[in-house]
PDB file of N, CA and C in Angstrom:
ATOM      1  N   MET A   1     -60.410  50.800 -54.488  1.00  0.00           N
ATOM      2  CA  MET A   1     -60.327  49.613 -53.663  1.00  0.00           C
ATOM      3  C   MET A   1     -61.504  48.699 -53.978  1.00  0.00           C
ATOM      4  N   GLN A   2     -61.201  47.433 -54.227  1.00  0.00           N
ATOM      5  CA  GLN A   2     -62.269  46.509 -54.587  1.00  0.00           C
ATOM      6  C   GLN A   2     -62.874  45.868 -53.340  1.00  0.00           C
ATOM      7  N   PRO A   3     -64.103  45.352 -53.454  1.00  0.00           N
ATOM      8  CA  PRO A   3     -64.757  44.714 -52.303  1.00  0.00           C
ATOM      9  C   PRO A   3     -63.967  43.492 -51.820  1.00  0.00           C
ATOM     10  N   PRO A   4     -64.047  43.172 -50.517  1.00  0.00           N
ATOM     11  CA  PRO A   4     -63.286  42.049 -49.960  1.00  0.00           C
ATOM     12  C   PRO A   4     -63.560  40.712 -50.653  1.00  0.00           C
ATOM     13  N   GLN A   5     -64.787  40.495 -51.129  1.00  0.00           N
ATOM     14  CA  GLN A   5     -65.081  39.211 -51.766  1.00  0.00           C
ATOM     15  C   GLN A   5     -64.260  39.004 -53.043  1.00  0.00           C
ATOM     16  N   TYR A   6     -63.893  40.091 -53.711  1.00  0.00           N
ATOM     17  CA  TYR A   6     -63.033  39.973 -54.879  1.00  0.00           C
ATOM     18  C   TYR A   6     -61.612  39.593 -54.466  1.00  0.00           C
ATOM     19  N   ASP A   7     -61.134  40.205 -53.389  1.00  0.00           N
ATOM     20  CA  ASP A   7     -59.808  39.847 -52.880  1.00  0.00           C
ATOM     21  C   ASP A   7     -59.764  38.376 -52.482  1.00  0.00           C
ATOM     22  N   VAL A   8     -60.816  37.894 -51.815  1.00  0.00           N
ATOM     23  CA  VAL A   8     -60.888  36.485 -51.397  1.00  0.00           C
ATOM     24  C   VAL A   8     -60.909  35.576 -52.619  1.00  0.00           C
ATOM     25  N   ALA A   9     -61.667  35.937 -53.646  1.00  0.00           N
ATOM     26  CA  ALA A   9     -61.734  35.124 -54.860  1.00  0.00           C
ATOM     27  C   ALA A   9     -60.380  35.078 -55.568  1.00  0.00           C
ATOM     28  N   HIS A  10     -59.699  36.207 -55.641  1.00  0.00           N
ATOM     29  CA  HIS A  10     -58.371  36.233 -56.275  1.00  0.00           C
ATOM     30  C   HIS A  10     -57.370  35.407 -55.476  1.00  0.00           C
ATOM     31  N   LEU A  11     -57.467  35.468 -54.144  1.00  0.00           N
ATOM     32  CA  LEU A  11     -56.587  34.657 -53.306  1.00  0.00           C
ATOM     33  C   LEU A  11     -56.857  33.174 -53.521  1.00  0.00           C
ATOM     34  N   ALA A  12     -58.118  32.776 -53.596  1.00  0.00           N
ATOM     35  CA  ALA A  12     -58.453  31.370 -53.830  1.00  0.00           C
ATOM     36  C   ALA A  12     -57.865  30.890 -55.155  1.00  0.00           C
ATOM     37  N   ASP A  13     -57.968  31.716 -56.194  1.00  0.00           N
ATOM     38  CA  ASP A  13     -57.380  31.364 -57.495  1.00  0.00           C
ATOM     39  C   ASP A  13     -55.871  31.214 -57.373  1.00  0.00           C
ATOM     40  N   ARG A  14     -55.252  32.138 -56.672  1.00  0.00           N
ATOM     41  CA  ARG A  14     -53.794  32.094 -56.521  1.00  0.00           C
ATOM     42  C   ARG A  14     -53.350  30.857 -55.752  1.00  0.00           C
ATOM     43  N   LEU A  15     -54.059  30.523 -54.661  1.00  0.00           N
ATOM     44  CA  LEU A  15     -53.709  29.334 -53.880  1.00  0.00           C
ATOM     45  C   LEU A  15     -53.863  28.059 -54.699  1.00  0.00           C
ATOM     46  N   ALA A  16     -54.838  28.025 -55.590  1.00  0.00           N
ATOM     47  CA  ALA A  16     -55.046  26.850 -56.434  1.00  0.00           C
ATOM     48  C   ALA A  16     -53.989  26.747 -57.526  1.00  0.00           C
ATOM     49  N   GLN A  17     -53.543  27.884 -58.059  1.00  0.00           N
ATOM     50  CA  GLN A  17     -52.640  27.868 -59.213  1.00  0.00           C
ATOM     51  C   GLN A  17     -51.163  27.947 -58.861  1.00  0.00           C
ATOM     52  N   ASP A  18     -50.836  28.457 -57.695  1.00  0.00           N
ATOM     53  CA  ASP A  18     -49.430  28.596 -57.307  1.00  0.00           C
ATOM     54  C   ASP A  18     -48.844  27.211 -57.048  1.00  0.00           C
ATOM     55  N   PRO A  19     -47.741  26.852 -57.698  1.00  0.00           N
ATOM     56  CA  PRO A  19     -47.164  25.509 -57.519  1.00  0.00           C
ATOM     57  C   PRO A  19     -46.677  25.238 -56.097  1.00  0.00           C
ATOM     58  N   ARG A  20     -46.455  26.279 -55.321  1.00  0.00           N
ATOM     59  CA  ARG A  20     -46.038  26.074 -53.927  1.00  0.00           C
ATOM     60  C   ARG A  20     -47.180  25.570 -53.057  1.00  0.00           C
ATOM     61  N   THR A  21     -48.412  25.848 -53.476  1.00  0.00           N
ATOM     62  CA  THR A  21     -49.553  25.478 -52.644  1.00  0.00           C
ATOM     63  C   THR A  21     -50.493  24.497 -53.339  1.00  0.00           C
ATOM     64  N   ALA A  22     -50.933  24.806 -54.556  1.00  0.00           N
ATOM     65  CA  ALA A  22     -51.909  23.982 -55.281  1.00  0.00           C
ATOM     66  C   ALA A  22     -53.026  23.543 -54.340  1.00  0.00           C
ATOM     67  N   GLU A  23     -53.578  24.484 -53.618  1.00  0.00           N
ATOM     68  CA  GLU A  23     -54.522  24.201 -52.542  1.00  0.00           C
ATOM     69  C   GLU A  23     -55.926  24.675 -52.900  1.00  0.00           C
ATOM     70  N   LEU A  24     -56.905  23.769 -52.773  1.00  0.00           N
ATOM     71  CA  LEU A  24     -58.292  24.108 -53.062  1.00  0.00           C
ATOM     72  C   LEU A  24     -59.158  24.184 -51.812  1.00  0.00           C
ATOM     73  N   GLY A  25     -58.698  23.601 -50.707  1.00  0.00           N
ATOM     74  CA  GLY A  25     -59.548  23.458 -49.530  1.00  0.00           C
ATOM     75  C   GLY A  25     -59.416  24.539 -48.482  1.00  0.00           C
ATOM     76  N   VAL A  26     -58.759  25.635 -48.779  1.00  0.00           N
ATOM     77  CA  VAL A  26     -58.588  26.704 -47.799  1.00  0.00           C
ATOM     78  C   VAL A  26     -59.717  27.713 -47.960  1.00  0.00           C
ATOM     79  N   ARG A  27     -60.325  28.063 -46.844  1.00  0.00           N
ATOM     80  CA  ARG A  27     -61.348  29.106 -46.849  1.00  0.00           C
ATOM     81  C   ARG A  27     -60.709  30.385 -46.323  1.00  0.00           C
ATOM     82  N   ALA A  28     -61.000  31.479 -46.973  1.00  0.00           N
ATOM     83  CA  ALA A  28     -60.455  32.773 -46.569  1.00  0.00           C
ATOM     84  C   ALA A  28     -61.603  33.751 -46.389  1.00  0.00           C
ATOM     85  N   ARG A  29     -61.432  34.631 -45.415  1.00  0.00           N
ATOM     86  CA  ARG A  29     -62.404  35.718 -45.242  1.00  0.00           C
ATOM     87  C   ARG A  29     -61.656  36.942 -44.748  1.00  0.00           C
ATOM     88  N   ILE A  30     -62.181  38.081 -45.111  1.00  0.00           N
ATOM     89  CA  ILE A  30     -61.596  39.348 -44.697  1.00  0.00           C
ATOM     90  C   ILE A  30     -62.589  40.031 -43.775  1.00  0.00           C
ATOM     91  N   HIS A  31     -62.082  40.452 -42.630  1.00  0.00           N
ATOM     92  CA  HIS A  31     -62.902  41.212 -41.676  1.00  0.00           C
ATOM     93  C   HIS A  31     -62.070  42.412 -41.239  1.00  0.00           C
ATOM     94  N   GLY A  32     -62.509  43.576 -41.644  1.00  0.00           N
ATOM     95  CA  GLY A  32     -61.739  44.784 -41.337  1.00  0.00           C
ATOM     96  C   GLY A  32     -60.395  44.750 -42.041  1.00  0.00           C
ATOM     97  N   ASP A  33     -59.327  44.858 -41.261  1.00  0.00           N
ATOM     98  CA  ASP A  33     -57.984  44.845 -41.852  1.00  0.00           C
ATOM     99  C   ASP A  33     -57.283  43.506 -41.629  1.00  0.00           C
ATOM    100  N   ALA A  34     -58.071  42.448 -41.430  1.00  0.00           N
ATOM    101  CA  ALA A  34     -57.490  41.135 -41.153  1.00  0.00           C
ATOM    102  C   ALA A  34     -57.994  40.079 -42.140  1.00  0.00           C
ATOM    103  N   LEU A  35     -57.085  39.180 -42.495  1.00  0.00           N
ATOM    104  CA  LEU A  35     -57.387  38.046 -43.356  1.00  0.00           C
ATOM    105  C   LEU A  35     -57.334  36.789 -42.500  1.00  0.00           C
ATOM    106  N   TYR A  36     -58.387  36.005 -42.537  1.00  0.00           N
ATOM    107  CA  TYR A  36     -58.478  34.765 -41.769  1.00  0.00           C
ATOM    108  C   TYR A  36     -58.458  33.585 -42.727  1.00  0.00           C
ATOM    109  N   LEU A  37     -57.542  32.657 -42.495  1.00  0.00           N
ATOM    110  CA  LEU A  37     -57.452  31.424 -43.283  1.00  0.00           C
ATOM    111  C   LEU A  37     -57.933  30.275 -42.416  1.00  0.00           C
ATOM    112  N   GLU A  38     -58.815  29.441 -42.964  1.00  0.00           N
ATOM    113  CA  GLU A  38     -59.367  28.308 -42.231  1.00  0.00           C
ATOM    114  C   GLU A  38     -59.396  27.094 -43.136  1.00  0.00           C
ATOM    115  N   GLY A  39     -59.372  25.921 -42.525  1.00  0.00           N
ATOM    116  CA  GLY A  39     -59.431  24.669 -43.270  1.00  0.00           C
ATOM    117  C   GLY A  39     -58.336  23.733 -42.805  1.00  0.00           C
ATOM    118  N   GLU A  40     -58.078  22.710 -43.602  1.00  0.00           N
ATOM    119  CA  GLU A  40     -57.067  21.715 -43.266  1.00  0.00           C
ATOM    120  C   GLU A  40     -56.057  21.580 -44.395  1.00  0.00           C
ATOM    121  N   VAL A  41     -54.813  21.385 -43.999  1.00  0.00           N
ATOM    122  CA  VAL A  41     -53.734  21.110 -44.940  1.00  0.00           C
ATOM    123  C   VAL A  41     -52.993  19.873 -44.454  1.00  0.00           C
ATOM    124  N   MET A  42     -52.107  19.338 -45.291  1.00  0.00           N
ATOM    125  CA  MET A  42     -51.464  18.066 -44.997  1.00  0.00           C
ATOM    126  C   MET A  42     -50.196  18.181 -44.154  1.00  0.00           C
ATOM    127  N   SER A  43     -49.607  19.369 -44.036  1.00  0.00           N
ATOM    128  CA  SER A  43     -48.351  19.486 -43.300  1.00  0.00           C
ATOM    129  C   SER A  43     -48.155  20.908 -42.791  1.00  0.00           C
ATOM    130  N   GLU A  44     -47.225  21.032 -41.825  1.00  0.00           N
ATOM    131  CA  GLU A  44     -46.859  22.357 -41.331  1.00  0.00           C
ATOM    132  C   GLU A  44     -46.252  23.201 -42.455  1.00  0.00           C
ATOM    133  N   GLU A  45     -45.483  22.550 -43.329  1.00  0.00           N
ATOM    134  CA  GLU A  45     -44.878  23.259 -44.466  1.00  0.00           C
ATOM    135  C   GLU A  45     -45.957  23.828 -45.381  1.00  0.00           C
ATOM    136  N   GLN A  46     -46.994  23.042 -45.641  1.00  0.00           N
ATOM    137  CA  GLN A  46     -48.103  23.510 -46.479  1.00  0.00           C
ATOM    138  C   GLN A  46     -48.802  24.699 -45.818  1.00  0.00           C
ATOM    139  N   LYS A  47     -49.001  24.627 -44.513  1.00  0.00           N
ATOM    140  CA  LYS A  47     -49.618  25.735 -43.775  1.00  0.00           C
ATOM    141  C   LYS A  47     -48.778  27.003 -43.926  1.00  0.00           C
ATOM    142  N   ARG A  48     -47.475  26.850 -43.781  1.00  0.00           N
ATOM    143  CA  ARG A  48     -46.566  27.985 -43.902  1.00  0.00           C
ATOM    144  C   ARG A  48     -46.607  28.576 -45.308  1.00  0.00           C
ATOM    145  N   MET A  49     -46.611  27.707 -46.325  1.00  0.00           N
ATOM    146  CA  MET A  49     -46.620  28.187 -47.709  1.00  0.00           C
ATOM    147  C   MET A  49     -47.927  28.904 -48.053  1.00  0.00           C
ATOM    148  N   VAL A  50     -49.055  28.387 -47.567  1.00  0.00           N
ATOM    149  CA  VAL A  50     -50.334  29.058 -47.804  1.00  0.00           C
ATOM    150  C   VAL A  50     -50.297  30.454 -47.189  1.00  0.00           C
ATOM    151  N   GLY A  51     -49.762  30.569 -45.981  1.00  0.00           N
ATOM    152  CA  GLY A  51     -49.633  31.877 -45.352  1.00  0.00           C
ATOM    153  C   GLY A  51     -48.746  32.811 -46.145  1.00  0.00           C
ATOM    154  N   GLU A  52     -47.657  32.279 -46.672  1.00  0.00           N
ATOM    155  CA  GLU A  52     -46.728  33.093 -47.463  1.00  0.00           C
ATOM    156  C   GLU A  52     -47.401  33.620 -48.729  1.00  0.00           C
ATOM    157  N   VAL A  53     -48.104  32.752 -49.436  1.00  0.00           N
ATOM    158  CA  VAL A  53     -48.797  33.171 -50.660  1.00  0.00           C
ATOM    159  C   VAL A  53     -49.878  34.198 -50.325  1.00  0.00           C
ATOM    160  N   ALA A  54     -50.591  33.995 -49.226  1.00  0.00           N
ATOM    161  CA  ALA A  54     -51.638  34.944 -48.817  1.00  0.00           C
ATOM    162  C   ALA A  54     -51.040  36.314 -48.522  1.00  0.00           C
ATOM    163  N   ARG A  55     -49.892  36.344 -47.851  1.00  0.00           N
ATOM    164  CA  ARG A  55     -49.235  37.626 -47.554  1.00  0.00           C
ATOM    165  C   ARG A  55     -48.795  38.327 -48.838  1.00  0.00           C
ATOM    166  N   GLU A  56     -48.313  37.548 -49.803  1.00  0.00           N
ATOM    167  CA  GLU A  56     -47.903  38.137 -51.084  1.00  0.00           C
ATOM    168  C   GLU A  56     -49.103  38.718 -51.824  1.00  0.00           C
ATOM    169  N   GLN A  57     -50.220  38.009 -51.792  1.00  0.00           N
ATOM    170  CA  GLN A  57     -51.417  38.426 -52.522  1.00  0.00           C
ATOM    171  C   GLN A  57     -52.102  39.623 -51.856  1.00  0.00           C
ATOM    172  N   LEU A  58     -52.141  39.628 -50.528  1.00  0.00           N
ATOM    173  CA  LEU A  58     -52.850  40.678 -49.786  1.00  0.00           C
ATOM    174  C   LEU A  58     -51.940  41.234 -48.693  1.00  0.00           C
ATOM    175  N   PRO A  59     -50.898  41.962 -49.082  1.00  0.00           N
ATOM    176  CA  PRO A  59     -49.877  42.389 -48.125  1.00  0.00           C
ATOM    177  C   PRO A  59     -50.351  43.404 -47.085  1.00  0.00           C
ATOM    178  N   GLY A  60     -51.410  44.100 -47.317  1.00  0.00           N
ATOM    179  CA  GLY A  60     -51.841  45.130 -46.377  1.00  0.00           C
ATOM    180  C   GLY A  60     -52.701  44.625 -45.230  1.00  0.00           C
ATOM    181  N   LEU A  61     -52.983  43.328 -45.205  1.00  0.00           N
ATOM    182  CA  LEU A  61     -53.866  42.785 -44.175  1.00  0.00           C
ATOM    183  C   LEU A  61     -53.083  42.000 -43.124  1.00  0.00           C
ATOM    184  N   ARG A  62     -53.570  42.029 -41.883  1.00  0.00           N
ATOM    185  CA  ARG A  62     -52.993  41.180 -40.830  1.00  0.00           C
ATOM    186  C   ARG A  62     -53.468  39.758 -41.080  1.00  0.00           C
ATOM    187  N   LEU A  63     -52.568  38.809 -41.011  1.00  0.00           N
ATOM    188  CA  LEU A  63     -52.896  37.416 -41.320  1.00  0.00           C
ATOM    189  C   LEU A  63     -53.144  36.623 -40.046  1.00  0.00           C
ATOM    190  N   HIS A  64     -54.262  35.917 -40.035  1.00  0.00           N
ATOM    191  CA  HIS A  64     -54.586  34.962 -38.976  1.00  0.00           C
ATOM    192  C   HIS A  64     -54.654  33.593 -39.651  1.00  0.00           C
ATOM    193  N   ASN A  65     -53.571  32.847 -39.554  1.00  0.00           N
ATOM    194  CA  ASN A  65     -53.487  31.544 -40.211  1.00  0.00           C
ATOM    195  C   ASN A  65     -54.008  30.482 -39.247  1.00  0.00           C
ATOM    196  N   ASP A  66     -55.295  30.194 -39.350  1.00  0.00           N
ATOM    197  CA  ASP A  66     -55.958  29.229 -38.475  1.00  0.00           C
ATOM    198  C   ASP A  66     -56.093  27.864 -39.140  1.00  0.00           C
ATOM    199  N   LEU A  67     -55.234  27.574 -40.108  1.00  0.00           N
ATOM    200  CA  LEU A  67     -55.274  26.278 -40.782  1.00  0.00           C
ATOM    201  C   LEU A  67     -54.858  25.188 -39.804  1.00  0.00           C
ATOM    202  N   ARG A  68     -55.533  24.047 -39.890  1.00  0.00           N
ATOM    203  CA  ARG A  68     -55.188  22.884 -39.075  1.00  0.00           C
ATOM    204  C   ARG A  68     -54.409  21.907 -39.942  1.00  0.00           C
ATOM    205  N   VAL A  69     -53.433  21.259 -39.331  1.00  0.00           N
ATOM    206  CA  VAL A  69     -52.656  20.242 -40.036  1.00  0.00           C
ATOM    207  C   VAL A  69     -53.340  18.898 -39.804  1.00  0.00           C
ATOM    208  N   GLN A  70     -53.688  18.260 -40.901  1.00  0.00           N
ATOM    209  CA  GLN A  70     -54.356  16.961 -40.849  1.00  0.00           C
ATOM    210  C   GLN A  70     -53.292  15.886 -40.662  1.00  0.00           C
ATOM    211  N   HIS A  71     -53.399  15.135 -39.611  1.00  0.00           N
ATOM    212  CA  HIS A  71     -52.436  14.079 -39.342  1.00  0.00           C
ATOM    213  C   HIS A  71     -53.023  12.743 -39.793  1.00  0.00           C
ATOM    214  N   ALA A  72     -52.331  12.099 -40.718  1.00  0.00           N
ATOM    215  CA  ALA A  72     -52.790  10.800 -41.217  1.00  0.00           C
ATOM    216  C   ALA A  72     -52.589   9.749 -40.130  1.00  0.00           C
ATOM    217  N   ARG A  73     -53.584   8.888 -39.959  1.00  0.00           N
ATOM    218  CA  ARG A  73     -53.495   7.806 -38.973  1.00  0.00           C
ATOM    219  C   ARG A  73     -53.689   6.472 -39.672  1.00  0.00           C
ATOM    220  N   ARG A  74     -53.101   5.464 -39.077  1.00  0.00           N
ATOM    221  CA  ARG A  74     -53.300   4.121 -39.600  1.00  0.00           C
ATOM    222  C   ARG A  74     -54.717   3.680 -39.286  1.00  0.00           C
ATOM    223  N   PRO A  75     -55.325   2.888 -40.158  1.00  0.00           N
ATOM    224  CA  PRO A  75     -56.672   2.383 -39.873  1.00  0.00           C
ATOM    225  C   PRO A  75     -56.650   1.512 -38.612  1.00  0.00           C
ATOM    226  N   ASP A  76     -57.724   1.568 -37.844  1.00  0.00           N
ATOM    227  CA  ASP A  76     -57.784   0.769 -36.623  1.00  0.00           C
ATOM    228  C   ASP A  76     -58.345  -0.628 -36.849  1.00  0.00           C
ATOM    229  N   HIS A  77     -58.823  -0.895 -38.077  1.00  0.00           N
ATOM    230  CA  HIS A  77     -59.312  -2.236 -38.418  1.00  0.00           C
ATOM    231  C   HIS A  77     -59.228  -2.439 -39.937  1.00  0.00           C
ATOM    232  N   GLY A  78     -59.236  -3.694 -40.322  1.00  0.00           N
ATOM    233  CA  GLY A  78     -59.181  -4.000 -41.735  1.00  0.00           C
ATOM    234  C   GLY A  78     -60.532  -3.856 -42.405  1.00  0.00           C
ATOM    235  N   GLU A  79     -60.505  -3.620 -43.677  1.00  0.00           N
ATOM    236  CA  GLU A  79     -61.742  -3.485 -44.442  1.00  0.00           C
ATOM    237  C   GLU A  79     -62.054  -4.830 -45.075  1.00  0.00           C
ATOM    238  N   GLU A  80     -63.299  -5.263 -44.901  1.00  0.00           N
ATOM    239  CA  GLU A  80     -63.709  -6.549 -45.484  1.00  0.00           C
ATOM    240  C   GLU A  80     -64.287  -6.293 -46.864  1.00  0.00           C
ATOM    241  N   LEU A  81     -63.771  -7.029 -47.836  1.00  0.00           N
ATOM    242  CA  LEU A  81     -64.248  -6.915 -49.197  1.00  0.00           C
ATOM    243  C   LEU A  81     -65.099  -8.127 -49.516  1.00  0.00           C
ATOM    244  N   SER A  82     -66.167  -7.924 -50.243  1.00  0.00           N
ATOM    245  CA  SER A  82     -66.993  -9.075 -50.615  1.00  0.00           C
ATOM    246  C   SER A  82     -67.092  -9.227 -52.097  1.00  0.00           C
TER     247      SER A  82
END
């Protein structure tokens, strides 16, 4: 069994390279028998896909998908250019 930091590093590589996710901004940590995902993604679908890839990569761990969905908002004022 390899140390948890290796599992986290392999998961980060997989999340970046998997075409379903192509995600670089997710932080993962392993504590005991649980995997915690943190950070922001652009949609609920992206959150779901990151969780799916994480389960495939580390199937023996309980998943806590604490990713937040970033909601895009319209600017509240115009930008002045000079």
